[in-house]
Each structure stands twice: as C-alpha cells, then as structure tokens.
Amino acid sequence: MLATLRTRAAAFDVANDKRAAAAELAETLETAHALLSEHIADEEKVVFPIIDAYVSLEDWKRIENAAKQGGNLKFEVPRVLQHATEPELAQLKQDAGLLIRLMLKFLVRGFDKREAIIAG
C-alpha cells in the first residue's frame, strides 16, 4: 500500500493530466484511509486499555513529547483537528492561546487545499 501511495504521489507530482493522476491517488488514499481507520479502531479497543492499565501518566507524557519531535505541523495539526471528537476539539481550543488558534486556521486551510487537489 505504501509503495503504491509513493508511486501515485510521485506520478501526480509530474503528471500532465492532474485530474487522472489525482483520481488514481485519491482511490489509493481512500483504500489506505479505510485500512487505517480499521486499524485505529482496533487499537482503541485493544491497545488503549492496556496503556491505561500499565503506562503511567509521566511515561505517557514522555512518549508524547518524543513523538512531537519528529512531526510535520503542517500535516499533523490539521489531521488531528480533522479527526478529533467534539469534546477533544473544545479542549484543544480552550488550551490554545489566540496566536495558536490563528496559526491553526492557516495550517488547516493549506491542508484542506492540498487534500482538495488530491481528491479532485
């Protein structure tokens, strides 16, 4: 799946017919999305209860901080916002300062534009 995504993303980047390349990429992304959604749902049912039972809050914060070191904010932040539940979004907005909320709007716009191009 990842090899196909890489191939189709590269093809989209250089394609003369962006619509056709975007359609192929969108099809692959939809398949990947379905697989990942199923995988994440399984994680939430199986893995999260184990984490809750055996990982301390201090250790979890250390893990989260390590994960933040390698992310791309232009991708990660809008993706998190897109998939957060309403209570999670409310908490994020409450915790974020004004500058952060403004930055989020710009990050989300760029993400949405790139997603729209890929989805056709």
PDB file of N, CA and C in Angstrom:
ATOM      1  N   MET A   1       0.828  -1.187   0.000  1.00  0.00           N
ATOM      2  CA  MET A   1       0.000   0.000   0.000  1.00  0.00           C
ATOM      3  C   MET A   1       0.874   1.253   0.000  1.00  0.00           C
ATOM      4  N   LEU A   2       1.896   1.255   0.857  1.00  0.00           N
ATOM      5  CA  LEU A   2       2.786   2.421   0.905  1.00  0.00           C
ATOM      6  C   LEU A   2       3.540   2.618  -0.398  1.00  0.00           C
ATOM      7  N   ALA A   3       3.968   1.526  -1.019  1.00  0.00           N
ATOM      8  CA  ALA A   3       4.669   1.633  -2.306  1.00  0.00           C
ATOM      9  C   ALA A   3       3.728   2.215  -3.365  1.00  0.00           C
ATOM     10  N   THR A   4       2.497   1.774  -3.374  1.00  0.00           N
ATOM     11  CA  THR A   4       1.526   2.301  -4.335  1.00  0.00           C
ATOM     12  C   THR A   4       1.266   3.778  -4.074  1.00  0.00           C
ATOM     13  N   LEU A   5       1.133   4.151  -2.804  1.00  0.00           N
ATOM     14  CA  LEU A   5       0.940   5.565  -2.470  1.00  0.00           C
ATOM     15  C   LEU A   5       2.113   6.416  -2.943  1.00  0.00           C
ATOM     16  N   ARG A   6       3.326   5.935  -2.692  1.00  0.00           N
ATOM     17  CA  ARG A   6       4.508   6.692  -3.127  1.00  0.00           C
ATOM     18  C   ARG A   6       4.531   6.835  -4.644  1.00  0.00           C
ATOM     19  N   THR A   7       4.254   5.746  -5.338  1.00  0.00           N
ATOM     20  CA  THR A   7       4.266   5.766  -6.803  1.00  0.00           C
ATOM     21  C   THR A   7       3.217   6.733  -7.345  1.00  0.00           C
ATOM     22  N   ARG A   8       2.016   6.652  -6.810  1.00  0.00           N
ATOM     23  CA  ARG A   8       0.941   7.514  -7.314  1.00  0.00           C
ATOM     24  C   ARG A   8       1.141   8.970  -6.904  1.00  0.00           C
ATOM     25  N   ALA A   9       1.711   9.215  -5.736  1.00  0.00           N
ATOM     26  CA  ALA A   9       2.016  10.602  -5.344  1.00  0.00           C
ATOM     27  C   ALA A   9       3.087  11.188  -6.254  1.00  0.00           C
ATOM     28  N   ALA A  10       4.100  10.406  -6.557  1.00  0.00           N
ATOM     29  CA  ALA A  10       5.155  10.870  -7.470  1.00  0.00           C
ATOM     30  C   ALA A  10       4.591  11.108  -8.863  1.00  0.00           C
ATOM     31  N   ALA A  11       3.701  10.213  -9.317  1.00  0.00           N
ATOM     32  CA  ALA A  11       3.081  10.376 -10.632  1.00  0.00           C
ATOM     33  C   ALA A  11       2.217  11.634 -10.672  1.00  0.00           C
ATOM     34  N   PHE A  12       1.497  11.903  -9.595  1.00  0.00           N
ATOM     35  CA  PHE A  12       0.673  13.113  -9.520  1.00  0.00           C
ATOM     36  C   PHE A  12       1.548  14.360  -9.620  1.00  0.00           C
ATOM     37  N   ASP A  13       2.672  14.320  -8.948  1.00  0.00           N
ATOM     38  CA  ASP A  13       3.571  15.478  -8.914  1.00  0.00           C
ATOM     39  C   ASP A  13       4.041  15.879 -10.314  1.00  0.00           C
ATOM     40  N   VAL A  14       4.258  14.902 -11.202  1.00  0.00           N
ATOM     41  CA  VAL A  14       4.816  15.197 -12.527  1.00  0.00           C
ATOM     42  C   VAL A  14       3.799  15.039 -13.657  1.00  0.00           C
ATOM     43  N   ALA A  15       2.574  14.694 -13.340  1.00  0.00           N
ATOM     44  CA  ALA A  15       1.574  14.393 -14.367  1.00  0.00           C
ATOM     45  C   ALA A  15       1.176  15.626 -15.160  1.00  0.00           C
ATOM     46  N   ASN A  16       0.986  15.419 -16.448  1.00  0.00           N
ATOM     47  CA  ASN A  16       0.403  16.464 -17.290  1.00  0.00           C
ATOM     48  C   ASN A  16      -1.102  16.517 -17.069  1.00  0.00           C
ATOM     49  N   ASP A  17      -1.713  15.351 -16.916  1.00  0.00           N
ATOM     50  CA  ASP A  17      -3.150  15.253 -16.659  1.00  0.00           C
ATOM     51  C   ASP A  17      -3.353  15.076 -15.151  1.00  0.00           C
ATOM     52  N   LYS A  18      -3.418  16.208 -14.449  1.00  0.00           N
ATOM     53  CA  LYS A  18      -3.528  16.175 -12.980  1.00  0.00           C
ATOM     54  C   LYS A  18      -4.816  15.495 -12.517  1.00  0.00           C
ATOM     55  N   ARG A  19      -5.899  15.652 -13.272  1.00  0.00           N
ATOM     56  CA  ARG A  19      -7.176  15.049 -12.848  1.00  0.00           C
ATOM     57  C   ARG A  19      -7.097  13.528 -12.822  1.00  0.00           C
ATOM     58  N   ALA A  20      -6.535  12.948 -13.863  1.00  0.00           N
ATOM     59  CA  ALA A  20      -6.421  11.484 -13.913  1.00  0.00           C
ATOM     60  C   ALA A  20      -5.484  10.984 -12.820  1.00  0.00           C
ATOM     61  N   ALA A  21      -4.352  11.662 -12.666  1.00  0.00           N
ATOM     62  CA  ALA A  21      -3.394  11.259 -11.626  1.00  0.00           C
ATOM     63  C   ALA A  21      -4.003  11.441 -10.245  1.00  0.00           C
ATOM     64  N   ALA A  22      -4.766  12.526 -10.070  1.00  0.00           N
ATOM     65  CA  ALA A  22      -5.419  12.770  -8.781  1.00  0.00           C
ATOM     66  C   ALA A  22      -6.455  11.700  -8.484  1.00  0.00           C
ATOM     67  N   ALA A  23      -7.175  11.259  -9.512  1.00  0.00           N
ATOM     68  CA  ALA A  23      -8.188  10.208  -9.312  1.00  0.00           C
ATOM     69  C   ALA A  23      -7.538   8.912  -8.847  1.00  0.00           C
ATOM     70  N   GLU A  24      -6.418   8.546  -9.464  1.00  0.00           N
ATOM     71  CA  GLU A  24      -5.717   7.328  -9.053  1.00  0.00           C
ATOM     72  C   GLU A  24      -5.184   7.465  -7.626  1.00  0.00           C
ATOM     73  N   LEU A  25      -4.615   8.631  -7.324  1.00  0.00           N
ATOM     74  CA  LEU A  25      -4.085   8.860  -5.978  1.00  0.00           C
ATOM     75  C   LEU A  25      -5.218   8.854  -4.953  1.00  0.00           C
ATOM     76  N   ALA A  26      -6.326   9.497  -5.290  1.00  0.00           N
ATOM     77  CA  ALA A  26      -7.471   9.541  -4.370  1.00  0.00           C
ATOM     78  C   ALA A  26      -8.005   8.146  -4.082  1.00  0.00           C
ATOM     79  N   GLU A  27      -8.062   7.303  -5.101  1.00  0.00           N
ATOM     80  CA  GLU A  27      -8.533   5.920  -4.913  1.00  0.00           C
ATOM     81  C   GLU A  27      -7.631   5.178  -3.920  1.00  0.00           C
ATOM     82  N   THR A  28      -6.337   5.341  -4.097  1.00  0.00           N
ATOM     83  CA  THR A  28      -5.384   4.679  -3.198  1.00  0.00           C
ATOM     84  C   THR A  28      -5.481   5.252  -1.793  1.00  0.00           C
ATOM     85  N   LEU A  29      -5.648   6.562  -1.689  1.00  0.00           N
ATOM     86  CA  LEU A  29      -5.783   7.193  -0.373  1.00  0.00           C
ATOM     87  C   LEU A  29      -7.053   6.741   0.337  1.00  0.00           C
ATOM     88  N   GLU A  30      -8.122   6.567  -0.408  1.00  0.00           N
ATOM     89  CA  GLU A  30      -9.371   6.078   0.195  1.00  0.00           C
ATOM     90  C   GLU A  30      -9.189   4.670   0.760  1.00  0.00           C
ATOM     91  N   THR A  31      -8.494   3.830   0.019  1.00  0.00           N
ATOM     92  CA  THR A  31      -8.219   2.470   0.490  1.00  0.00           C
ATOM     93  C   THR A  31      -7.346   2.516   1.737  1.00  0.00           C
ATOM     94  N   ALA A  32      -6.302   3.341   1.695  1.00  0.00           N
ATOM     95  CA  ALA A  32      -5.417   3.479   2.862  1.00  0.00           C
ATOM     96  C   ALA A  32      -6.193   4.014   4.055  1.00  0.00           C
ATOM     97  N   HIS A  33      -7.072   4.987   3.817  1.00  0.00           N
ATOM     98  CA  HIS A  33      -7.880   5.558   4.899  1.00  0.00           C
ATOM     99  C   HIS A  33      -8.756   4.492   5.546  1.00  0.00           C
ATOM    100  N   ALA A  34      -9.383   3.666   4.731  1.00  0.00           N
ATOM    101  CA  ALA A  34     -10.238   2.602   5.270  1.00  0.00           C
ATOM    102  C   ALA A  34      -9.428   1.620   6.110  1.00  0.00           C
ATOM    103  N   LEU A  35      -8.268   1.235   5.594  1.00  0.00           N
ATOM    104  CA  LEU A  35      -7.409   0.305   6.343  1.00  0.00           C
ATOM    105  C   LEU A  35      -6.932   0.915   7.652  1.00  0.00           C
ATOM    106  N   LEU A  36      -6.507   2.170   7.585  1.00  0.00           N
ATOM    107  CA  LEU A  36      -6.021   2.827   8.806  1.00  0.00           C
ATOM    108  C   LEU A  36      -7.140   3.052   9.811  1.00  0.00           C
ATOM    109  N   SER A  37      -8.323   3.391   9.322  1.00  0.00           N
ATOM    110  CA  SER A  37      -9.463   3.582  10.232  1.00  0.00           C
ATOM    111  C   SER A  37      -9.778   2.296  10.990  1.00  0.00           C
ATOM    112  N   GLU A  38      -9.756   1.193  10.273  1.00  0.00           N
ATOM    113  CA  GLU A  38      -9.996  -0.109  10.900  1.00  0.00           C
ATOM    114  C   GLU A  38      -8.900  -0.417  11.916  1.00  0.00           C
ATOM    115  N   HIS A  39      -7.659  -0.144  11.521  1.00  0.00           N
ATOM    116  CA  HIS A  39      -6.516  -0.386  12.405  1.00  0.00           C
ATOM    117  C   HIS A  39      -6.613   0.465  13.672  1.00  0.00           C
ATOM    118  N   ILE A  40      -6.938   1.727  13.513  1.00  0.00           N
ATOM    119  CA  ILE A  40      -7.028   2.631  14.668  1.00  0.00           C
ATOM    120  C   ILE A  40      -8.175   2.217  15.582  1.00  0.00           C
ATOM    121  N   ALA A  41      -9.300   1.817  14.995  1.00  0.00           N
ATOM    122  CA  ALA A  41     -10.433   1.359  15.824  1.00  0.00           C
ATOM    123  C   ALA A  41     -10.025   0.145  16.649  1.00  0.00           C
ATOM    124  N   ASP A  42      -9.278  -0.767  16.028  1.00  0.00           N
ATOM    125  CA  ASP A  42      -8.787  -1.936  16.768  1.00  0.00           C
ATOM    126  C   ASP A  42      -7.833  -1.517  17.883  1.00  0.00           C
ATOM    127  N   GLU A  43      -6.950  -0.555  17.587  1.00  0.00           N
ATOM    128  CA  GLU A  43      -6.027  -0.065  18.621  1.00  0.00           C
ATOM    129  C   GLU A  43      -6.786   0.514  19.804  1.00  0.00           C
ATOM    130  N   GLU A  44      -7.807   1.307  19.502  1.00  0.00           N
ATOM    131  CA  GLU A  44      -8.571   1.933  20.578  1.00  0.00           C
ATOM    132  C   GLU A  44      -9.255   0.895  21.456  1.00  0.00           C
ATOM    133  N   LYS A  45      -9.698  -0.197  20.866  1.00  0.00           N
ATOM    134  CA  LYS A  45     -10.366  -1.251  21.630  1.00  0.00           C
ATOM    135  C   LYS A  45      -9.384  -2.110  22.424  1.00  0.00           C
ATOM    136  N   VAL A  46      -8.222  -2.374  21.834  1.00  0.00           N
ATOM    137  CA  VAL A  46      -7.292  -3.337  22.425  1.00  0.00           C
ATOM    138  C   VAL A  46      -6.118  -2.660  23.128  1.00  0.00           C
ATOM    139  N   VAL A  47      -5.457  -1.754  22.438  1.00  0.00           N
ATOM    140  CA  VAL A  47      -4.205  -1.193  22.952  1.00  0.00           C
ATOM    141  C   VAL A  47      -4.436  -0.128  24.022  1.00  0.00           C
ATOM    142  N   PHE A  48      -5.379   0.769  23.797  1.00  0.00           N
ATOM    143  CA  PHE A  48      -5.574   1.856  24.757  1.00  0.00           C
ATOM    144  C   PHE A  48      -5.900   1.366  26.170  1.00  0.00           C
ATOM    145  N   PRO A  49      -6.760   0.351  26.321  1.00  0.00           N
ATOM    146  CA  PRO A  49      -6.985  -0.152  27.686  1.00  0.00           C
ATOM    147  C   PRO A  49      -5.704  -0.687  28.336  1.00  0.00           C
ATOM    148  N   ILE A  50      -4.829  -1.276  27.542  1.00  0.00           N
ATOM    149  CA  ILE A  50      -3.556  -1.772  28.076  1.00  0.00           C
ATOM    150  C   ILE A  50      -2.684  -0.593  28.506  1.00  0.00           C
ATOM    151  N   ILE A  51      -2.645   0.443  27.658  1.00  0.00           N
ATOM    152  CA  ILE A  51      -1.871   1.651  28.008  1.00  0.00           C
ATOM    153  C   ILE A  51      -2.413   2.248  29.297  1.00  0.00           C
ATOM    154  N   ASP A  52      -3.739   2.379  29.381  1.00  0.00           N
ATOM    155  CA  ASP A  52      -4.355   2.934  30.594  1.00  0.00           C
ATOM    156  C   ASP A  52      -3.983   2.135  31.834  1.00  0.00           C
ATOM    157  N   ALA A  53      -3.917   0.816  31.676  1.00  0.00           N
ATOM    158  CA  ALA A  53      -3.649  -0.045  32.831  1.00  0.00           C
ATOM    159  C   ALA A  53      -2.175  -0.068  33.237  1.00  0.00           C
ATOM    160  N   TYR A  54      -1.262   0.060  32.266  1.00  0.00           N
ATOM    161  CA  TYR A  54       0.141  -0.213  32.575  1.00  0.00           C
ATOM    162  C   TYR A  54       1.120   0.935  32.343  1.00  0.00           C
ATOM    163  N   VAL A  55       0.705   2.010  31.700  1.00  0.00           N
ATOM    164  CA  VAL A  55       1.629   3.103  31.423  1.00  0.00           C
ATOM    165  C   VAL A  55       1.262   4.289  32.310  1.00  0.00           C
ATOM    166  N   SER A  56       2.245   4.765  33.053  1.00  0.00           N
ATOM    167  CA  SER A  56       1.987   5.902  33.943  1.00  0.00           C
ATOM    168  C   SER A  56       1.789   7.173  33.125  1.00  0.00           C
ATOM    169  N   LEU A  57       1.130   8.153  33.727  1.00  0.00           N
ATOM    170  CA  LEU A  57       0.910   9.437  33.064  1.00  0.00           C
ATOM    171  C   LEU A  57       2.251  10.100  32.727  1.00  0.00           C
ATOM    172  N   GLU A  58       3.209   9.995  33.624  1.00  0.00           N
ATOM    173  CA  GLU A  58       4.544  10.567  33.391  1.00  0.00           C
ATOM    174  C   GLU A  58       5.206   9.918  32.171  1.00  0.00           C
ATOM    175  N   ASP A  59       5.137   8.601  32.074  1.00  0.00           N
ATOM    176  CA  ASP A  59       5.717   7.899  30.929  1.00  0.00           C
ATOM    177  C   ASP A  59       4.986   8.250  29.636  1.00  0.00           C
ATOM    178  N   TRP A  60       3.654   8.360  29.702  1.00  0.00           N
ATOM    179  CA  TRP A  60       2.885   8.706  28.509  1.00  0.00           C
ATOM    180  C   TRP A  60       3.260  10.098  28.012  1.00  0.00           C
ATOM    181  N   LYS A  61       3.428  11.045  28.913  1.00  0.00           N
ATOM    182  CA  LYS A  61       3.832  12.402  28.514  1.00  0.00           C
ATOM    183  C   LYS A  61       5.208  12.382  27.856  1.00  0.00           C
ATOM    184  N   ARG A  62       6.096  11.559  28.369  1.00  0.00           N
ATOM    185  CA  ARG A  62       7.434  11.437  27.775  1.00  0.00           C
ATOM    186  C   ARG A  62       7.332  10.870  26.357  1.00  0.00           C
ATOM    187  N   ILE A  63       6.470   9.889  26.165  1.00  0.00           N
ATOM    188  CA  ILE A  63       6.253   9.294  24.848  1.00  0.00           C
ATOM    189  C   ILE A  63       5.662  10.328  23.887  1.00  0.00           C
ATOM    190  N   GLU A  64       4.663  11.078  24.353  1.00  0.00           N
ATOM    191  CA  GLU A  64       4.056  12.107  23.511  1.00  0.00           C
ATOM    192  C   GLU A  64       5.084  13.162  23.109  1.00  0.00           C
ATOM    193  N   ASN A  65       5.910  13.588  24.051  1.00  0.00           N
ATOM    194  CA  ASN A  65       6.931  14.590  23.743  1.00  0.00           C
ATOM    195  C   ASN A  65       7.930  14.062  22.715  1.00  0.00           C
ATOM    196  N   ALA A  66       8.311  12.814  22.828  1.00  0.00           N
ATOM    197  CA  ALA A  66       9.232  12.224  21.852  1.00  0.00           C
ATOM    198  C   ALA A  66       8.578  12.164  20.475  1.00  0.00           C
ATOM    199  N   ALA A  67       7.293  11.827  20.420  1.00  0.00           N
ATOM    200  CA  ALA A  67       6.589  11.756  19.135  1.00  0.00           C
ATOM    201  C   ALA A  67       6.474  13.129  18.485  1.00  0.00           C
ATOM    202  N   LYS A  68       6.326  14.163  19.288  1.00  0.00           N
ATOM    203  CA  LYS A  68       6.205  15.524  18.749  1.00  0.00           C
ATOM    204  C   LYS A  68       7.490  15.997  18.084  1.00  0.00           C
ATOM    205  N   GLN A  69       8.615  15.432  18.458  1.00  0.00           N
ATOM    206  CA  GLN A  69       9.894  15.884  17.912  1.00  0.00           C
ATOM    207  C   GLN A  69      10.028  15.600  16.421  1.00  0.00           C
ATOM    208  N   GLY A  70       9.356  14.577  15.916  1.00  0.00           N
ATOM    209  CA  GLY A  70       9.545  14.191  14.527  1.00  0.00           C
ATOM    210  C   GLY A  70       8.408  14.569  13.604  1.00  0.00           C
ATOM    211  N   GLY A  71       7.397  15.274  14.072  1.00  0.00           N
ATOM    212  CA  GLY A  71       6.224  15.554  13.258  1.00  0.00           C
ATOM    213  C   GLY A  71       6.374  16.764  12.351  1.00  0.00           C
ATOM    214  N   ASN A  72       5.481  16.853  11.374  1.00  0.00           N
ATOM    215  CA  ASN A  72       5.387  17.992  10.479  1.00  0.00           C
ATOM    216  C   ASN A  72       4.089  18.703  10.824  1.00  0.00           C
ATOM    217  N   LEU A  73       4.184  19.883  11.420  1.00  0.00           N
ATOM    218  CA  LEU A  73       2.996  20.579  11.908  1.00  0.00           C
ATOM    219  C   LEU A  73       1.982  20.870  10.806  1.00  0.00           C
ATOM    220  N   LYS A  74       2.456  21.152   9.600  1.00  0.00           N
ATOM    221  CA  LYS A  74       1.528  21.461   8.507  1.00  0.00           C
ATOM    222  C   LYS A  74       0.648  20.264   8.163  1.00  0.00           C
ATOM    223  N   PHE A  75       1.103  19.072   8.497  1.00  0.00           N
ATOM    224  CA  PHE A  75       0.314  17.872   8.251  1.00  0.00           C
ATOM    225  C   PHE A  75      -0.358  17.375   9.525  1.00  0.00           C
ATOM    226  N   GLU A  76       0.411  17.267  10.587  1.00  0.00           N
ATOM    227  CA  GLU A  76      -0.087  16.636  11.813  1.00  0.00           C
ATOM    228  C   GLU A  76      -1.217  17.424  12.482  1.00  0.00           C
ATOM    229  N   VAL A  77      -1.065  18.727  12.603  1.00  0.00           N
ATOM    230  CA  VAL A  77      -2.066  19.520  13.330  1.00  0.00           C
ATOM    231  C   VAL A  77      -3.427  19.470  12.639  1.00  0.00           C
ATOM    232  N   PRO A  78      -3.515  19.757  11.331  1.00  0.00           N
ATOM    233  CA  PRO A  78      -4.839  19.670  10.697  1.00  0.00           C
ATOM    234  C   PRO A  78      -5.425  18.264  10.740  1.00  0.00           C
ATOM    235  N   ARG A  79      -4.575  17.248  10.644  1.00  0.00           N
ATOM    236  CA  ARG A  79      -5.060  15.865  10.695  1.00  0.00           C
ATOM    237  C   ARG A  79      -5.660  15.571  12.062  1.00  0.00           C
ATOM    238  N   VAL A  80      -5.002  16.004  13.100  1.00  0.00           N
ATOM    239  CA  VAL A  80      -5.528  15.792  14.453  1.00  0.00           C
ATOM    240  C   VAL A  80      -6.855  16.525  14.612  1.00  0.00           C
ATOM    241  N   LEU A  81      -6.900  17.772  14.151  1.00  0.00           N
ATOM    242  CA  LEU A  81      -8.140  18.542  14.271  1.00  0.00           C
ATOM    243  C   LEU A  81      -9.276  17.909  13.473  1.00  0.00           C
ATOM    244  N   GLN A  82      -8.950  17.351  12.328  1.00  0.00           N
ATOM    245  CA  GLN A  82      -9.956  16.730  11.470  1.00  0.00           C
ATOM    246  C   GLN A  82     -10.580  15.502  12.124  1.00  0.00           C
ATOM    247  N   HIS A  83      -9.806  14.780  12.919  1.00  0.00           N
ATOM    248  CA  HIS A  83     -10.285  13.524  13.475  1.00  0.00           C
ATOM    249  C   HIS A  83     -10.603  13.588  14.970  1.00  0.00           C
ATOM    250  N   ALA A  84     -10.436  14.743  15.567  1.00  0.00           N
ATOM    251  CA  ALA A  84     -10.738  14.892  16.991  1.00  0.00           C
ATOM    252  C   ALA A  84     -12.255  14.897  17.198  1.00  0.00           C
ATOM    253  N   THR A  85     -12.668  14.386  18.334  1.00  0.00           N
ATOM    254  CA  THR A  85     -14.084  14.435  18.686  1.00  0.00           C
ATOM    255  C   THR A  85     -14.435  15.856  19.121  1.00  0.00           C
ATOM    256  N   GLU A  86     -15.723  16.148  19.209  1.00  0.00           N
ATOM    257  CA  GLU A  86     -16.147  17.493  19.638  1.00  0.00           C
ATOM    258  C   GLU A  86     -15.586  17.865  21.014  1.00  0.00           C
ATOM    259  N   PRO A  87     -15.652  16.962  22.013  1.00  0.00           N
ATOM    260  CA  PRO A  87     -15.057  17.312  23.312  1.00  0.00           C
ATOM    261  C   PRO A  87     -13.545  17.541  23.218  1.00  0.00           C
ATOM    262  N   GLU A  88     -12.861  16.745  22.390  1.00  0.00           N
ATOM    263  CA  GLU A  88     -11.418  16.936  22.222  1.00  0.00           C
ATOM    264  C   GLU A  88     -11.121  18.276  21.573  1.00  0.00           C
ATOM    265  N   LEU A  89     -11.904  18.641  20.554  1.00  0.00           N
ATOM    266  CA  LEU A  89     -11.721  19.942  19.902  1.00  0.00           C
ATOM    267  C   LEU A  89     -11.959  21.085  20.872  1.00  0.00           C
ATOM    268  N   ALA A  90     -12.998  20.962  21.669  1.00  0.00           N
ATOM    269  CA  ALA A  90     -13.294  22.013  22.648  1.00  0.00           C
ATOM    270  C   ALA A  90     -12.130  22.187  23.621  1.00  0.00           C
ATOM    271  N   GLN A  91     -11.556  21.078  24.071  1.00  0.00           N
ATOM    272  CA  GLN A  91     -10.420  21.139  24.990  1.00  0.00           C
ATOM    273  C   GLN A  91      -9.192  21.756  24.309  1.00  0.00           C
ATOM    274  N   LEU A  92      -8.924  21.351  23.066  1.00  0.00           N
ATOM    275  CA  LEU A  92      -7.791  21.908  22.331  1.00  0.00           C
ATOM    276  C   LEU A  92      -7.927  23.416  22.169  1.00  0.00           C
ATOM    277  N   LYS A  93      -9.128  23.860  21.809  1.00  0.00           N
ATOM    278  CA  LYS A  93      -9.359  25.300  21.624  1.00  0.00           C
ATOM    279  C   LYS A  93      -9.253  26.048  22.935  1.00  0.00           C
ATOM    280  N   GLN A  94      -9.696  25.426  23.999  1.00  0.00           N
ATOM    281  CA  GLN A  94      -9.605  26.061  25.316  1.00  0.00           C
ATOM    282  C   GLN A  94      -8.141  26.200  25.740  1.00  0.00           C
ATOM    283  N   ASP A  95      -7.346  25.176  25.461  1.00  0.00           N
ATOM    284  CA  ASP A  95      -5.946  25.174  25.871  1.00  0.00           C
ATOM    285  C   ASP A  95      -5.070  26.077  25.006  1.00  0.00           C
ATOM    286  N   ALA A  96      -5.462  26.268  23.745  1.00  0.00           N
ATOM    287  CA  ALA A  96      -4.633  27.039  22.810  1.00  0.00           C
ATOM    288  C   ALA A  96      -4.830  28.533  23.031  1.00  0.00           C
ATOM    289  N   GLY A  97      -3.753  29.262  22.945  1.00  0.00           N
ATOM    290  CA  GLY A  97      -3.843  30.715  23.012  1.00  0.00           C
ATOM    291  C   GLY A  97      -4.307  31.281  21.680  1.00  0.00           C
ATOM    292  N   LEU A  98      -4.532  32.589  21.640  1.00  0.00           N
ATOM    293  CA  LEU A  98      -5.024  33.247  20.434  1.00  0.00           C
ATOM    294  C   LEU A  98      -4.080  33.041  19.258  1.00  0.00           C
ATOM    295  N   LEU A  99      -2.792  33.208  19.457  1.00  0.00           N
ATOM    296  CA  LEU A  99      -1.829  33.052  18.370  1.00  0.00           C
ATOM    297  C   LEU A  99      -1.874  31.636  17.801  1.00  0.00           C
ATOM    298  N   ILE A 100      -1.962  30.650  18.681  1.00  0.00           N
ATOM    299  CA  ILE A 100      -2.028  29.257  18.239  1.00  0.00           C
ATOM    300  C   ILE A 100      -3.306  29.020  17.438  1.00  0.00           C
ATOM    301  N   ARG A 101      -4.436  29.553  17.896  1.00  0.00           N
ATOM    302  CA  ARG A 101      -5.697  29.367  17.170  1.00  0.00           C
ATOM    303  C   ARG A 101      -5.637  29.990  15.778  1.00  0.00           C
ATOM    304  N   LEU A 102      -4.992  31.149  15.657  1.00  0.00           N
ATOM    305  CA  LEU A 102      -4.837  31.777  14.343  1.00  0.00           C
ATOM    306  C   LEU A 102      -3.931  30.941  13.441  1.00  0.00           C
ATOM    307  N   MET A 103      -2.847  30.434  14.005  1.00  0.00           N
ATOM    308  CA  MET A 103      -1.949  29.585  13.228  1.00  0.00           C
ATOM    309  C   MET A 103      -2.674  28.338  12.730  1.00  0.00           C
ATOM    310  N   LEU A 104      -3.516  27.776  13.571  1.00  0.00           N
ATOM    311  CA  LEU A 104      -4.262  26.575  13.201  1.00  0.00           C
ATOM    312  C   LEU A 104      -5.138  26.830  11.983  1.00  0.00           C
ATOM    313  N   LYS A 105      -5.785  27.999  11.940  1.00  0.00           N
ATOM    314  CA  LYS A 105      -6.636  28.313  10.793  1.00  0.00           C
ATOM    315  C   LYS A 105      -5.840  28.276   9.495  1.00  0.00           C
ATOM    316  N   PHE A 106      -4.635  28.839   9.515  1.00  0.00           N
ATOM    317  CA  PHE A 106      -3.813  28.858   8.306  1.00  0.00           C
ATOM    318  C   PHE A 106      -3.309  27.452   7.965  1.00  0.00           C
ATOM    319  N   LEU A 107      -2.928  26.687   8.975  1.00  0.00           N
ATOM    320  CA  LEU A 107      -2.468  25.320   8.725  1.00  0.00           C
ATOM    321  C   LEU A 107      -3.585  24.476   8.130  1.00  0.00           C
ATOM    322  N   VAL A 108      -4.792  24.639   8.661  1.00  0.00           N
ATOM    323  CA  VAL A 108      -5.932  23.853   8.184  1.00  0.00           C
ATOM    324  C   VAL A 108      -6.283  24.249   6.754  1.00  0.00           C
ATOM    325  N   ARG A 109      -6.242  25.538   6.438  1.00  0.00           N
ATOM    326  CA  ARG A 109      -6.546  25.970   5.063  1.00  0.00           C
ATOM    327  C   ARG A 109      -5.600  25.327   4.060  1.00  0.00           C
ATOM    328  N   GLY A 110      -4.308  25.355   4.352  1.00  0.00           N
ATOM    329  CA  GLY A 110      -3.330  24.750   3.453  1.00  0.00           C
ATOM    330  C   GLY A 110      -3.550  23.251   3.308  1.00  0.00           C
ATOM    331  N   PHE A 111      -3.821  22.591   4.429  1.00  0.00           N
ATOM    332  CA  PHE A 111      -4.088  21.151   4.430  1.00  0.00           C
ATOM    333  C   PHE A 111      -5.318  20.851   3.581  1.00  0.00           C
ATOM    334  N   ASP A 112      -6.388  21.629   3.787  1.00  0.00           N
ATOM    335  CA  ASP A 112      -7.621  21.421   3.036  1.00  0.00           C
ATOM    336  C   ASP A 112      -7.406  21.631   1.542  1.00  0.00           C
ATOM    337  N   LYS A 113      -6.606  22.633   1.178  1.00  0.00           N
ATOM    338  CA  LYS A 113      -6.333  22.877  -0.245  1.00  0.00           C
ATOM    339  C   LYS A 113      -5.579  21.700  -0.857  1.00  0.00           C
ATOM    340  N   ARG A 114      -4.563  21.212  -0.163  1.00  0.00           N
ATOM    341  CA  ARG A 114      -3.812  20.058  -0.683  1.00  0.00           C
ATOM    342  C   ARG A 114      -4.707  18.826  -0.779  1.00  0.00           C
ATOM    343  N   GLU A 115      -5.556  18.615   0.221  1.00  0.00           N
ATOM    344  CA  GLU A 115      -6.470  17.474   0.206  1.00  0.00           C
ATOM    345  C   GLU A 115      -7.465  17.591  -0.943  1.00  0.00           C
ATOM    346  N   ALA A 116      -7.965  18.795  -1.206  1.00  0.00           N
ATOM    347  CA  ALA A 116      -8.918  19.000  -2.304  1.00  0.00           C
ATOM    348  C   ALA A 116      -8.265  18.731  -3.655  1.00  0.00           C
ATOM    349  N   ILE A 117      -7.015  19.127  -3.817  1.00  0.00           N
ATOM    350  CA  ILE A 117      -6.306  18.879  -5.077  1.00  0.00           C
ATOM    351  C   ILE A 117      -6.162  17.378  -5.307  1.00  0.00           C
ATOM    352  N   ILE A 118      -5.783  16.671  -4.249  1.00  0.00           N
ATOM    353  CA  ILE A 118      -5.594  15.228  -4.378  1.00  0.00           C
ATOM    354  C   ILE A 118      -6.914  14.520  -4.625  1.00  0.00           C
ATOM    355  N   ALA A 119      -7.963  14.952  -3.931  1.00  0.00           N
ATOM    356  CA  ALA A 119      -9.274  14.300  -4.059  1.00  0.00           C
ATOM    357  C   ALA A 119      -9.972  14.663  -5.371  1.00  0.00           C
ATOM    358  N   GLY A 120      -9.464  15.701  -6.041  1.00  0.00           N
ATOM    359  CA  GLY A 120     -10.070  16.094  -7.320  1.00  0.00           C
ATOM    360  C   GLY A 120     -11.263  16.947  -7.084  1.00  0.00           C
TER     361      GLY A 120
END
